[in-house]
Amino acid sequence: MRELRWLSGLIVVAGLGWVVAAAAHTRDLPTSTGYQYLATALLAAGLYGAAHGISLRDARESLSPILFAATIGVLLKAALLVAAMYFLVDPRYAVVGLAVAQIDPLSVAALLDRAGMSERARTILLAWAAFDDPVTALLTVYAGAWLISGGSAGGGLLSYAGDLSANALLVAVAAAVWAVLWWAGRRIPSPAWGAAGVGALLLLMVWSVEGVLMLGLAVTGLFFRPPLGRALDVVLRGALVLAMFLLGLLLTGGVSIVAGILLGVAAFLAQAVAALVLPARLSRRDRVRLAAGQQNGITAVILALALEPTLPGTVAIVAPAILVVNVLHWAVNAALGSARITWPRSLPSHGPAPAEDRRAAS
């Protein structure tokens, strides 16, 4: 019920944005400098939050399936969704499929609260969401720009190389600053170093937004982690609410119901395909839960906002797709939770069974 209330609240926020836009006639909003800067800032917040949420210790315990999910799994889901948009909707909007290819890490907690998943499956799902969120966003930013430009490689590749150098510089500066803060904290313990780390993080985020250095910011989130407490969760949830309001502002031009439904169903099914081929020894109950784990939230919204100026109508497709994905997620997992299913003891042959799953199957 908590997930359903949260979903309902976001829909109300988007509706409020639509009401405001209809009254204020904000049709030129996507082309404004302020809108584009805010959309980039929200994307940066979502990317840093996803990378920051990765537990490196837990990830090492399930490294193989996580690496598969963050590489082959991401590319597989992206390819399926691009193909779905290309053949079922409109070839011009094929790149829009990338916007909903990731699992929203903010929403995953609702599934993790449910019974029926082993600790190993919970770790895989949480790490999957944290890893594929920045990877998919970066794929949309870079590959999407290449696809939209018609695949011209000339200046695009030179621009991409320049972006890589700028991203590398951001990471190098962040690593140097973090090393200094760590060394100073060891020499002279003081809460002031934590505040200095937060201030440095804010400056790094401003830099990344100004230069659109999303790759560098995602890498920085893996190690640059000043003490933020619950503040990061509050900021990310606030960013999601703001992103939904901005999405509502852009809905005055209408909603592409059919295209949105097709994209939402395709996104949910793409997750199922990726989970079924995941190279991990899991019980069938865990594998089914992972297959039904697709959720969309802040990153899908922000990527839609970022694509809207170049591909007008993106928000009209992605908005209903997000709703379809989350409703499917809630309905399927609620059905799995309430149904009395006798899960077979046999396990897919993807390597040796972990001790936890052997005990569950015995």
Protein backbone atom coordinates (compact mmCIF):
# COMPACT_ATOMS: atom_id res chain seq x y z
CA MET A 1 0.00 0.00 0.00
CA ARG A 2 2.90 2.37 0.68
CA GLU A 3 4.09 2.03 -2.92
CA LEU A 4 0.56 2.63 -4.23
CA ARG A 5 0.20 5.79 -2.11
CA TRP A 6 3.59 7.08 -3.32
CA LEU A 7 2.64 6.37 -6.94
CA SER A 8 -0.71 8.11 -6.49
CA GLY A 9 0.99 11.14 -4.94
CA LEU A 10 3.38 11.49 -7.89
CA ILE A 11 0.47 11.33 -10.32
CA VAL A 12 -1.25 14.12 -8.37
CA VAL A 13 1.96 16.22 -8.54
CA ALA A 14 2.17 15.70 -12.32
CA GLY A 15 -1.49 16.67 -12.60
CA LEU A 16 -0.82 19.84 -10.63
CA GLY A 17 1.98 20.69 -13.06
CA TRP A 18 -0.40 20.19 -15.96
CA VAL A 19 -2.96 22.53 -14.35
CA VAL A 20 -0.31 25.20 -13.79
CA ALA A 21 0.96 24.87 -17.36
CA ALA A 22 -2.54 25.07 -18.81
CA ALA A 23 -3.21 28.27 -16.86
CA ALA A 24 0.17 29.88 -17.59
CA HIS A 25 0.55 28.69 -21.22
CA THR A 26 4.12 27.37 -20.82
CA ARG A 27 4.47 25.67 -24.22
CA ASP A 28 7.95 27.14 -24.85
CA LEU A 29 9.34 25.83 -21.56
CA PRO A 30 11.54 23.00 -23.00
CA THR A 31 13.57 25.48 -25.07
CA SER A 32 14.31 27.85 -22.19
CA THR A 33 17.81 27.95 -20.69
CA GLY A 34 16.48 27.69 -17.15
CA TYR A 35 14.49 24.56 -17.95
CA GLN A 36 17.45 22.83 -19.58
CA TYR A 37 19.75 23.71 -16.69
CA LEU A 38 17.23 22.43 -14.14
CA ALA A 39 16.68 19.19 -16.08
CA THR A 40 20.45 18.63 -16.19
CA ALA A 41 20.74 19.35 -12.45
CA LEU A 42 18.01 16.81 -11.69
CA LEU A 43 19.74 14.25 -13.89
CA ALA A 44 23.01 14.89 -12.03
CA ALA A 45 21.29 14.42 -8.68
CA GLY A 46 19.76 11.13 -9.81
CA LEU A 47 23.03 9.82 -11.21
CA TYR A 48 25.07 10.70 -8.12
CA GLY A 49 22.40 9.21 -5.87
CA ALA A 50 22.39 5.95 -7.82
CA ALA A 51 26.18 5.61 -7.79
CA HIS A 52 26.38 6.68 -4.13
CA GLY A 53 23.88 3.97 -3.17
CA ILE A 54 26.05 1.14 -4.43
CA SER A 55 27.43 -1.00 -1.61
CA LEU A 56 30.81 -2.12 -2.92
CA ARG A 57 31.06 -4.83 -0.27
CA ASP A 58 27.70 -6.38 -1.15
CA ALA A 59 28.41 -6.00 -4.86
CA ARG A 60 31.58 -8.09 -4.56
CA GLU A 61 29.55 -11.00 -3.21
CA SER A 62 27.44 -11.19 -6.39
CA LEU A 63 29.92 -9.65 -8.81
CA SER A 64 29.21 -11.89 -11.82
CA PRO A 65 25.43 -11.34 -12.08
CA ILE A 66 25.81 -7.64 -11.26
CA LEU A 67 28.42 -7.14 -14.00
CA PHE A 68 26.15 -9.01 -16.39
CA ALA A 69 23.17 -6.86 -15.41
CA ALA A 70 25.13 -3.60 -15.76
CA THR A 71 26.58 -4.52 -19.16
CA ILE A 72 24.83 -7.24 -21.18
CA GLY A 73 21.57 -6.77 -19.28
CA VAL A 74 21.50 -3.01 -19.88
CA LEU A 75 22.36 -3.40 -23.57
CA LEU A 76 19.82 -6.19 -23.99
CA LYS A 77 17.00 -4.18 -22.43
CA ALA A 78 18.00 -1.06 -24.35
CA ALA A 79 18.08 -2.97 -27.66
CA LEU A 80 14.67 -4.53 -27.01
CA LEU A 81 13.10 -1.17 -26.17
CA VAL A 82 14.71 0.68 -29.07
CA ALA A 83 13.45 -2.06 -31.38
CA ALA A 84 9.97 -1.88 -29.87
CA MET A 85 9.79 1.87 -30.43
CA TYR A 86 11.26 1.57 -33.92
CA PHE A 87 8.91 -1.14 -35.19
CA LEU A 88 5.76 -0.57 -33.09
CA VAL A 89 5.60 3.21 -32.68
CA ASP A 90 7.81 5.49 -34.80
CA PRO A 91 11.41 5.00 -36.02
CA ARG A 92 12.13 8.67 -35.25
CA TYR A 93 11.43 8.00 -31.56
CA ALA A 94 13.45 4.79 -31.22
CA VAL A 95 15.84 6.48 -28.78
CA VAL A 96 12.94 7.23 -26.41
CA GLY A 97 13.00 3.55 -25.44
CA LEU A 98 16.31 4.15 -23.66
CA ALA A 99 14.63 6.52 -21.20
CA VAL A 100 12.73 3.72 -19.45
CA ALA A 101 15.32 0.92 -19.72
CA GLN A 102 16.62 1.29 -16.17
CA ILE A 103 15.28 0.15 -12.79
CA ASP A 104 14.58 3.07 -10.47
CA PRO A 105 16.71 2.64 -7.30
CA LEU A 106 14.40 4.88 -5.25
CA SER A 107 11.42 2.62 -5.84
CA VAL A 108 13.20 -0.69 -5.32
CA ALA A 109 12.87 -0.41 -1.51
CA ALA A 110 9.14 -1.09 -1.81
CA LEU A 111 9.84 -4.48 -3.38
CA LEU A 112 12.63 -5.28 -0.93
CA ASP A 113 10.18 -4.89 1.94
CA ARG A 114 8.10 -7.75 0.63
CA ALA A 115 8.62 -11.32 1.77
CA GLY A 116 9.57 -14.06 -0.66
CA MET A 117 13.05 -13.05 -1.77
CA SER A 118 16.32 -14.38 -0.43
CA GLU A 119 18.95 -11.96 0.84
CA ARG A 120 21.10 -12.77 -2.19
CA ALA A 121 18.29 -11.87 -4.60
CA ARG A 122 17.62 -8.65 -2.69
CA THR A 123 21.30 -7.68 -2.97
CA ILE A 124 21.33 -8.44 -6.70
CA LEU A 125 18.19 -6.38 -7.32
CA LEU A 126 19.41 -3.40 -5.30
CA ALA A 127 22.85 -3.45 -6.93
CA TRP A 128 21.27 -3.99 -10.35
CA ALA A 129 19.14 -0.87 -9.88
CA ALA A 130 22.08 1.17 -8.62
CA PHE A 131 24.42 0.09 -11.43
CA ASP A 132 22.13 0.13 -14.45
CA ASP A 133 20.60 3.48 -13.51
CA PRO A 134 23.73 5.56 -14.29
CA VAL A 135 24.76 3.25 -17.14
CA THR A 136 21.39 3.63 -18.88
CA ALA A 137 21.33 7.37 -18.30
CA LEU A 138 24.80 7.74 -19.81
CA LEU A 139 23.79 5.48 -22.72
CA THR A 140 20.82 7.75 -23.37
CA VAL A 141 22.89 10.94 -23.17
CA TYR A 142 25.69 9.77 -25.47
CA ALA A 143 24.21 7.08 -27.72
CA GLY A 144 20.95 9.01 -27.87
CA ALA A 145 22.74 12.12 -29.10
CA TRP A 146 24.46 10.02 -31.77
CA LEU A 147 21.20 8.39 -32.91
CA ILE A 148 19.32 11.68 -33.01
CA SER A 149 22.09 13.25 -35.11
CA GLY A 150 21.52 10.55 -37.72
CA GLY A 151 24.64 8.57 -36.84
CA SER A 152 27.10 11.09 -38.28
CA ALA A 153 30.46 10.20 -36.80
CA GLY A 154 32.63 13.13 -37.85
CA GLY A 155 32.42 15.97 -35.36
CA GLY A 156 30.38 13.81 -33.02
CA LEU A 157 33.29 11.52 -32.21
CA LEU A 158 35.62 14.49 -31.68
CA SER A 159 33.05 16.06 -29.37
CA TYR A 160 32.69 12.75 -27.52
CA ALA A 161 36.47 12.49 -27.09
CA GLY A 162 36.47 16.00 -25.69
CA ASP A 163 33.71 15.06 -23.29
CA LEU A 164 35.70 12.03 -22.12
CA SER A 165 38.70 14.25 -21.36
CA ALA A 166 36.52 16.70 -19.42
CA ASN A 167 34.88 13.85 -17.51
CA ALA A 168 38.28 12.35 -16.70
CA LEU A 169 39.46 15.72 -15.39
CA LEU A 170 36.40 15.94 -13.11
CA VAL A 171 37.13 12.47 -11.71
CA ALA A 172 40.82 13.29 -11.20
CA VAL A 173 40.04 16.51 -9.33
CA ALA A 174 37.39 14.76 -7.23
CA ALA A 175 39.85 11.97 -6.35
CA ALA A 176 42.53 14.49 -5.36
CA VAL A 177 40.13 16.46 -3.19
CA TRP A 178 38.82 13.30 -1.53
CA ALA A 179 42.40 12.11 -0.85
CA VAL A 180 43.24 15.43 0.81
CA LEU A 181 40.08 15.33 2.94
CA TRP A 182 40.77 11.73 3.97
CA TRP A 183 44.40 12.51 4.86
CA ALA A 184 43.42 15.64 6.79
CA GLY A 185 40.67 13.77 8.64
CA ARG A 186 43.16 11.13 9.75
CA ARG A 187 45.69 13.73 10.94
CA ILE A 188 43.30 16.15 12.64
CA PRO A 189 39.92 14.51 13.39
CA SER A 190 37.20 17.15 13.16
CA PRO A 191 33.56 17.36 12.01
CA ALA A 192 34.65 20.31 9.87
CA TRP A 193 36.14 17.90 7.32
CA GLY A 194 32.72 16.37 6.75
CA ALA A 195 31.25 19.82 6.08
CA ALA A 196 34.16 20.56 3.75
CA GLY A 197 33.41 17.33 1.88
CA VAL A 198 29.76 18.33 1.44
CA GLY A 199 30.81 21.75 0.16
CA ALA A 200 33.29 20.19 -2.27
CA LEU A 201 30.59 17.81 -3.49
CA LEU A 202 28.26 20.72 -4.23
CA LEU A 203 31.00 22.44 -6.24
CA LEU A 204 31.69 19.24 -8.17
CA MET A 205 28.01 18.87 -8.98
CA VAL A 206 27.81 22.48 -10.20
CA TRP A 207 30.83 21.79 -12.40
CA SER A 208 29.25 18.61 -13.79
CA VAL A 209 25.96 20.38 -14.53
CA GLU A 210 27.67 23.33 -16.22
CA GLY A 211 29.71 21.01 -18.46
CA VAL A 212 27.12 18.19 -18.66
CA LEU A 213 29.77 15.80 -17.31
CA MET A 214 27.46 12.96 -16.35
CA LEU A 215 29.98 10.15 -16.81
CA GLY A 216 32.51 11.81 -14.52
CA LEU A 217 29.86 12.48 -11.88
CA ALA A 218 28.68 8.87 -11.92
CA VAL A 219 32.25 7.62 -11.38
CA THR A 220 32.78 10.23 -8.67
CA GLY A 221 29.76 8.91 -6.79
CA LEU A 222 31.51 5.58 -6.32
CA PHE A 223 34.16 7.03 -4.00
CA PHE A 224 33.36 10.67 -3.13
CA ARG A 225 31.00 10.06 -0.21
CA PRO A 226 30.96 12.73 2.50
CA PRO A 227 28.65 12.14 5.47
CA LEU A 228 25.20 13.03 4.11
CA GLY A 229 23.00 11.01 6.46
CA ARG A 230 19.36 11.05 5.38
CA ALA A 231 19.85 14.31 3.48
CA LEU A 232 20.60 12.53 0.20
CA ASP A 233 17.39 10.47 0.39
CA VAL A 234 15.39 13.64 1.10
CA VAL A 235 17.05 15.46 -1.81
CA LEU A 236 16.44 12.58 -4.22
CA ARG A 237 12.79 12.22 -3.25
CA GLY A 238 12.38 15.97 -3.56
CA ALA A 239 14.05 15.80 -6.97
CA LEU A 240 11.61 13.10 -8.05
CA VAL A 241 8.64 15.22 -6.95
CA LEU A 242 10.05 18.26 -8.77
CA ALA A 243 10.75 16.19 -11.88
CA MET A 244 7.15 14.91 -11.87
CA PHE A 245 5.91 18.49 -11.58
CA LEU A 246 8.10 19.51 -14.54
CA LEU A 247 6.77 16.52 -16.45
CA GLY A 248 3.23 17.72 -15.78
CA LEU A 249 4.15 21.17 -17.11
CA LEU A 250 4.93 19.60 -20.47
CA LEU A 251 1.73 17.58 -20.82
CA THR A 252 -0.40 20.43 -22.11
CA GLY A 253 0.34 19.25 -25.65
CA GLY A 254 -1.39 15.96 -24.93
CA VAL A 255 -0.46 12.38 -24.04
CA SER A 256 0.38 9.56 -26.47
CA ILE A 257 -1.67 6.87 -24.76
CA VAL A 258 -1.10 4.00 -27.21
CA ALA A 259 2.62 4.63 -27.62
CA GLY A 260 2.99 5.01 -23.84
CA ILE A 261 1.21 1.73 -23.14
CA LEU A 262 3.30 -0.12 -25.72
CA LEU A 263 6.54 1.30 -24.29
CA GLY A 264 5.52 0.56 -20.70
CA VAL A 265 4.59 -3.06 -21.45
CA ALA A 266 7.79 -3.49 -23.50
CA ALA A 267 9.90 -2.14 -20.60
CA PHE A 268 8.31 -4.55 -18.13
CA LEU A 269 8.80 -7.52 -20.49
CA ALA A 270 12.40 -6.50 -21.28
CA GLN A 271 13.25 -6.75 -17.57
CA ALA A 272 11.71 -10.23 -17.50
CA VAL A 273 13.86 -11.33 -20.44
CA ALA A 274 17.04 -9.94 -18.84
CA ALA A 275 16.26 -11.61 -15.50
CA LEU A 276 15.59 -14.98 -17.13
CA VAL A 277 19.03 -15.04 -18.77
CA LEU A 278 20.83 -13.65 -15.71
CA PRO A 279 23.84 -15.94 -15.03
CA ALA A 280 23.15 -16.61 -11.36
CA ARG A 281 22.14 -19.70 -9.42
CA LEU A 282 18.76 -18.61 -8.03
CA SER A 283 15.59 -20.31 -6.90
CA ARG A 284 12.70 -19.94 -9.32
CA ARG A 285 10.89 -17.77 -6.78
CA ASP A 286 13.81 -15.32 -6.73
CA ARG A 287 14.16 -15.34 -10.50
CA VAL A 288 10.45 -14.60 -10.96
CA ARG A 289 10.69 -11.75 -8.44
CA LEU A 290 13.67 -10.29 -10.31
CA ALA A 291 11.79 -10.69 -13.59
CA ALA A 292 8.94 -8.62 -12.12
CA GLY A 293 11.32 -6.01 -10.69
CA GLN A 294 11.06 -3.30 -13.35
CA GLN A 295 10.21 0.12 -11.90
CA ASN A 296 10.64 3.61 -13.34
CA GLY A 297 11.03 6.87 -11.49
CA ILE A 298 13.33 9.87 -11.32
CA THR A 299 15.80 8.85 -14.04
CA ALA A 300 13.11 8.03 -16.60
CA VAL A 301 11.36 11.32 -15.88
CA ILE A 302 14.57 13.35 -16.09
CA LEU A 303 15.76 11.63 -19.27
CA ALA A 304 12.38 12.36 -20.85
CA LEU A 305 12.73 15.99 -19.83
CA ALA A 306 16.26 16.07 -21.26
CA LEU A 307 15.15 14.56 -24.60
CA GLU A 308 12.04 16.72 -24.97
CA PRO A 309 13.76 19.80 -26.52
CA THR A 310 15.34 17.64 -29.25
CA LEU A 311 12.43 15.20 -29.67
CA PRO A 312 9.19 17.06 -28.94
CA GLY A 313 6.58 14.58 -27.77
CA THR A 314 8.99 12.44 -25.73
CA VAL A 315 7.29 13.36 -22.45
CA ALA A 316 3.88 12.57 -23.96
CA ILE A 317 5.11 8.99 -24.54
CA VAL A 318 7.25 8.44 -21.45
CA ALA A 319 4.73 9.83 -18.95
CA PRO A 320 2.07 7.15 -19.53
CA ALA A 321 4.82 4.52 -19.97
CA ILE A 322 6.10 5.23 -16.44
CA LEU A 323 2.56 4.87 -15.10
CA VAL A 324 2.05 1.58 -16.98
CA VAL A 325 5.36 0.13 -15.74
CA ASN A 326 4.71 1.01 -12.10
CA VAL A 327 1.12 -0.20 -12.17
CA LEU A 328 2.27 -3.49 -13.72
CA HIS A 329 5.00 -3.76 -11.09
CA TRP A 330 2.56 -3.17 -8.24
CA ALA A 331 -0.13 -5.51 -9.65
CA VAL A 332 2.19 -8.42 -10.56
CA ASN A 333 4.12 -8.34 -7.28
CA ALA A 334 0.91 -8.00 -5.27
CA ALA A 335 -0.44 -11.05 -7.08
CA LEU A 336 2.77 -12.99 -6.43
CA GLY A 337 2.64 -12.02 -2.76
CA SER A 338 -0.97 -13.08 -2.27
CA ALA A 339 -0.96 -16.21 -4.43
CA ARG A 340 -0.13 -19.54 -2.82
CA ILE A 341 2.45 -20.83 -5.25
CA THR A 342 4.35 -24.07 -4.68
CA TRP A 343 7.72 -23.23 -6.14
CA PRO A 344 9.65 -26.17 -7.68
CA ARG A 345 12.80 -27.20 -5.90
CA SER A 346 14.79 -27.49 -9.11
CA LEU A 347 16.99 -24.53 -9.96
CA PRO A 348 18.23 -23.10 -13.26
CA SER A 349 21.68 -24.44 -14.11
CA HIS A 350 23.72 -21.23 -13.99
CA GLY A 351 26.56 -22.32 -11.73
CA PRO A 352 26.83 -23.72 -8.20
CA ALA A 353 23.97 -22.98 -5.85
CA PRO A 354 24.80 -20.68 -2.94
CA ALA A 355 24.44 -22.18 0.53
CA GLU A 356 21.44 -19.97 1.31
CA ASP A 357 19.48 -21.20 -1.72
CA ARG A 358 20.43 -24.84 -1.04
CA ARG A 359 19.00 -24.49 2.47
CA ALA A 360 15.82 -22.87 1.09
CA ALA A 361 15.33 -25.66 -1.42
CA SER A 362 15.87 -28.47 1.11
